[in-house]
């Protein structure tokens, strides 16, 4: 049933942070397409200077296991939704149903992960 509502999305997954020339750095890989059912969690939005409005939080359902931000030093996966990057805050497996899927929550990334030019 979840596949029926799924659409393809772009995800960025980060590697482990390491020190390079005195700066922290972590590489990333683009994973695309990732079929997901993405829903806006609430109607709390951020207003931007250009008048656009973006939801602050999202829920995603699907067969893809996201990496969540575990601490301020660990980047969670980024999900591109309606031209904005959202960072994964949690991902749990719902294995007690016939659908057996992952449920992830995302929060709008205020600095857009440095990837605003890719939106």
C-alpha atoms as a PDB file:
ATOM      1  CA  UNK A   1       0.000   0.000   0.000  1.00  0.00           C
ATOM      2  CA  UNK A   2       2.815   2.435   0.790  1.00  0.00           C
ATOM      3  CA  UNK A   3       4.270   1.925  -2.692  1.00  0.00           C
ATOM      4  CA  UNK A   4       0.970   3.162  -4.131  1.00  0.00           C
ATOM      5  CA  UNK A   5       1.483   6.590  -2.513  1.00  0.00           C
ATOM      6  CA  UNK A   6       5.259   6.750  -3.066  1.00  0.00           C
ATOM      7  CA  UNK A   7       7.064   9.282  -5.204  1.00  0.00           C
ATOM      8  CA  UNK A   8      10.799   9.463  -6.008  1.00  0.00           C
ATOM      9  CA  UNK A   9      12.940  11.759  -3.819  1.00  0.00           C
ATOM     10  CA  UNK A  10      16.611  12.721  -3.612  1.00  0.00           C
ATOM     11  CA  UNK A  11      18.595  11.894  -0.433  1.00  0.00           C
ATOM     12  CA  UNK A  12      22.108  12.878   0.678  1.00  0.00           C
ATOM     13  CA  UNK A  13      23.928  10.509   3.062  1.00  0.00           C
ATOM     14  CA  UNK A  14      26.991  11.768   4.928  1.00  0.00           C
ATOM     15  CA  UNK A  15      30.089   9.822   5.880  1.00  0.00           C
ATOM     16  CA  UNK A  16      32.001   9.996   9.143  1.00  0.00           C
ATOM     17  CA  UNK A  17      33.458  13.361  10.075  1.00  0.00           C
ATOM     18  CA  UNK A  18      37.220  13.689   9.978  1.00  0.00           C
ATOM     19  CA  UNK A  19      39.724  16.516  10.447  1.00  0.00           C
ATOM     20  CA  UNK A  20      41.297  17.840   7.228  1.00  0.00           C
ATOM     21  CA  UNK A  21      43.738  20.757   7.512  1.00  0.00           C
ATOM     22  CA  UNK A  22      42.226  21.725  10.862  1.00  0.00           C
ATOM     23  CA  UNK A  23      38.609  21.669   9.633  1.00  0.00           C
ATOM     24  CA  UNK A  24      35.965  19.009  10.060  1.00  0.00           C
ATOM     25  CA  UNK A  25      34.853  17.409   6.836  1.00  0.00           C
ATOM     26  CA  UNK A  26      32.542  14.598   5.837  1.00  0.00           C
ATOM     27  CA  UNK A  27      31.882  13.370   2.348  1.00  0.00           C
ATOM     28  CA  UNK A  28      28.429  12.483   1.109  1.00  0.00           C
ATOM     29  CA  UNK A  29      26.732  10.406  -1.548  1.00  0.00           C
ATOM     30  CA  UNK A  30      23.569  11.204  -3.462  1.00  0.00           C
ATOM     31  CA  UNK A  31      20.965   8.457  -3.350  1.00  0.00           C
ATOM     32  CA  UNK A  32      18.256   8.846  -5.939  1.00  0.00           C
ATOM     33  CA  UNK A  33      15.529   7.967  -6.587  1.00  0.00           C
ATOM     34  CA  UNK A  34      14.239   6.894  -3.174  1.00  0.00           C
ATOM     35  CA  UNK A  35      10.519   5.958  -3.302  1.00  0.00           C
ATOM     36  CA  UNK A  36       8.745   7.473  -0.287  1.00  0.00           C
ATOM     37  CA  UNK A  37       5.364   8.639   0.928  1.00  0.00           C
ATOM     38  CA  UNK A  38       6.257  12.081   2.350  1.00  0.00           C
ATOM     39  CA  UNK A  39       3.721  14.089   4.337  1.00  0.00           C
ATOM     40  CA  UNK A  40       3.903  17.461   6.021  1.00  0.00           C
ATOM     41  CA  UNK A  41       3.701  16.762   9.740  1.00  0.00           C
ATOM     42  CA  UNK A  42       2.099  20.014  10.824  1.00  0.00           C
ATOM     43  CA  UNK A  43       1.139  23.366   9.449  1.00  0.00           C
ATOM     44  CA  UNK A  44       3.816  25.296  11.319  1.00  0.00           C
ATOM     45  CA  UNK A  45       5.725  27.001   8.536  1.00  0.00           C
ATOM     46  CA  UNK A  46       8.689  29.309   8.122  1.00  0.00           C
ATOM     47  CA  UNK A  47       8.237  32.454   6.073  1.00  0.00           C
ATOM     48  CA  UNK A  48      11.117  33.524   3.896  1.00  0.00           C
ATOM     49  CA  UNK A  49      12.164  36.953   2.648  1.00  0.00           C
ATOM     50  CA  UNK A  50      10.754  36.214  -0.813  1.00  0.00           C
ATOM     51  CA  UNK A  51       7.336  35.357   0.658  1.00  0.00           C
ATOM     52  CA  UNK A  52       7.645  31.582   0.244  1.00  0.00           C
ATOM     53  CA  UNK A  53       6.472  29.361   3.059  1.00  0.00           C
ATOM     54  CA  UNK A  54       7.943  25.949   3.918  1.00  0.00           C
ATOM     55  CA  UNK A  55       6.762  23.361   6.451  1.00  0.00           C
ATOM     56  CA  UNK A  56       9.179  22.857   9.357  1.00  0.00           C
ATOM     57  CA  UNK A  57       8.642  19.110   9.823  1.00  0.00           C
ATOM     58  CA  UNK A  58       7.882  16.104   7.610  1.00  0.00           C
ATOM     59  CA  UNK A  59       7.045  12.424   8.023  1.00  0.00           C
ATOM     60  CA  UNK A  60       8.265   9.852   5.498  1.00  0.00           C
ATOM     61  CA  UNK A  61       7.132   6.250   5.046  1.00  0.00           C
ATOM     62  CA  UNK A  62       8.880   3.658   2.894  1.00  0.00           C
ATOM     63  CA  UNK A  63      11.321   0.769   2.590  1.00  0.00           C
ATOM     64  CA  UNK A  64      14.417   2.997   2.894  1.00  0.00           C
ATOM     65  CA  UNK A  65      16.254   3.098   6.246  1.00  0.00           C
ATOM     66  CA  UNK A  66      17.446   6.644   6.953  1.00  0.00           C
ATOM     67  CA  UNK A  67      20.388   7.623   9.140  1.00  0.00           C
ATOM     68  CA  UNK A  68      19.192  10.033  11.834  1.00  0.00           C
ATOM     69  CA  UNK A  69      21.168  12.854  13.440  1.00  0.00           C
ATOM     70  CA  UNK A  70      22.353  11.269  16.688  1.00  0.00           C
ATOM     71  CA  UNK A  71      24.192  14.295  18.107  1.00  0.00           C
ATOM     72  CA  UNK A  72      25.169  17.825  17.040  1.00  0.00           C
ATOM     73  CA  UNK A  73      28.355  16.313  15.545  1.00  0.00           C
ATOM     74  CA  UNK A  74      26.529  13.705  13.432  1.00  0.00           C
ATOM     75  CA  UNK A  75      24.663  14.686  10.275  1.00  0.00           C
ATOM     76  CA  UNK A  76      21.446  12.897   9.489  1.00  0.00           C
ATOM     77  CA  UNK A  77      20.419  12.105   5.937  1.00  0.00           C
ATOM     78  CA  UNK A  78      19.048  15.074   4.000  1.00  0.00           C
ATOM     79  CA  UNK A  79      15.798  14.771   2.025  1.00  0.00           C
ATOM     80  CA  UNK A  80      14.965  17.190  -0.798  1.00  0.00           C
ATOM     81  CA  UNK A  81      11.265  18.111  -0.587  1.00  0.00           C
ATOM     82  CA  UNK A  82       9.670  20.921  -2.619  1.00  0.00           C
ATOM     83  CA  UNK A  83      13.050  22.564  -3.198  1.00  0.00           C
ATOM     84  CA  UNK A  84      14.169  22.513   0.457  1.00  0.00           C
ATOM     85  CA  UNK A  85      16.503  20.193   2.383  1.00  0.00           C
ATOM     86  CA  UNK A  86      15.194  18.470   5.511  1.00  0.00           C
ATOM     87  CA  UNK A  87      17.418  16.598   7.990  1.00  0.00           C
ATOM     88  CA  UNK A  88      16.401  13.208   9.391  1.00  0.00           C
ATOM     89  CA  UNK A  89      15.845  13.350  13.158  1.00  0.00           C
ATOM     90  CA  UNK A  90      14.565   9.796  13.718  1.00  0.00           C
ATOM     91  CA  UNK A  91      13.920   6.600  11.800  1.00  0.00           C
ATOM     92  CA  UNK A  92      12.194   3.535  13.214  1.00  0.00           C
ATOM     93  CA  UNK A  93      11.091   0.267  11.654  1.00  0.00           C
ATOM     94  CA  UNK A  94       7.420  -0.621  11.881  1.00  0.00           C
ATOM     95  CA  UNK A  95       7.776  -4.381  11.592  1.00  0.00           C
ATOM     96  CA  UNK A  96       4.567  -5.379  13.335  1.00  0.00           C
ATOM     97  CA  UNK A  97       2.311  -4.739  10.348  1.00  0.00           C
ATOM     98  CA  UNK A  98       1.782  -6.490   7.028  1.00  0.00           C
ATOM     99  CA  UNK A  99       3.361  -3.510   5.271  1.00  0.00           C
ATOM    100  CA  UNK A 100       6.619  -3.646   7.286  1.00  0.00           C
ATOM    101  CA  UNK A 101       8.122  -0.232   6.604  1.00  0.00           C
ATOM    102  CA  UNK A 102      10.295   2.543   8.039  1.00  0.00           C
ATOM    103  CA  UNK A 103       8.875   5.730   9.542  1.00  0.00           C
ATOM    104  CA  UNK A 104      11.187   8.768   9.581  1.00  0.00           C
ATOM    105  CA  UNK A 105      10.786  12.325  10.831  1.00  0.00           C
ATOM    106  CA  UNK A 106      12.538  15.307   9.270  1.00  0.00           C
ATOM    107  CA  UNK A 107      13.131  18.909  10.257  1.00  0.00           C
ATOM    108  CA  UNK A 108      13.791  21.822   7.891  1.00  0.00           C
ATOM    109  CA  UNK A 109      17.556  22.414   7.702  1.00  0.00           C
ATOM    110  CA  UNK A 110      17.960  26.180   8.311  1.00  0.00           C
ATOM    111  CA  UNK A 111      21.282  26.472   6.439  1.00  0.00           C
ATOM    112  CA  UNK A 112      20.112  24.030   3.742  1.00  0.00           C
ATOM    113  CA  UNK A 113      23.170  21.861   4.406  1.00  0.00           C
ATOM    114  CA  UNK A 114      25.217  24.093   2.143  1.00  0.00           C
ATOM    115  CA  UNK A 115      23.342  22.631  -0.835  1.00  0.00           C
ATOM    116  CA  UNK A 116      20.832  25.425  -1.541  1.00  0.00           C
ATOM    117  CA  UNK A 117      22.211  25.725  -5.075  1.00  0.00           C
ATOM    118  CA  UNK A 118      21.093  22.148  -5.843  1.00  0.00           C
ATOM    119  CA  UNK A 119      17.422  22.716  -4.991  1.00  0.00           C
END
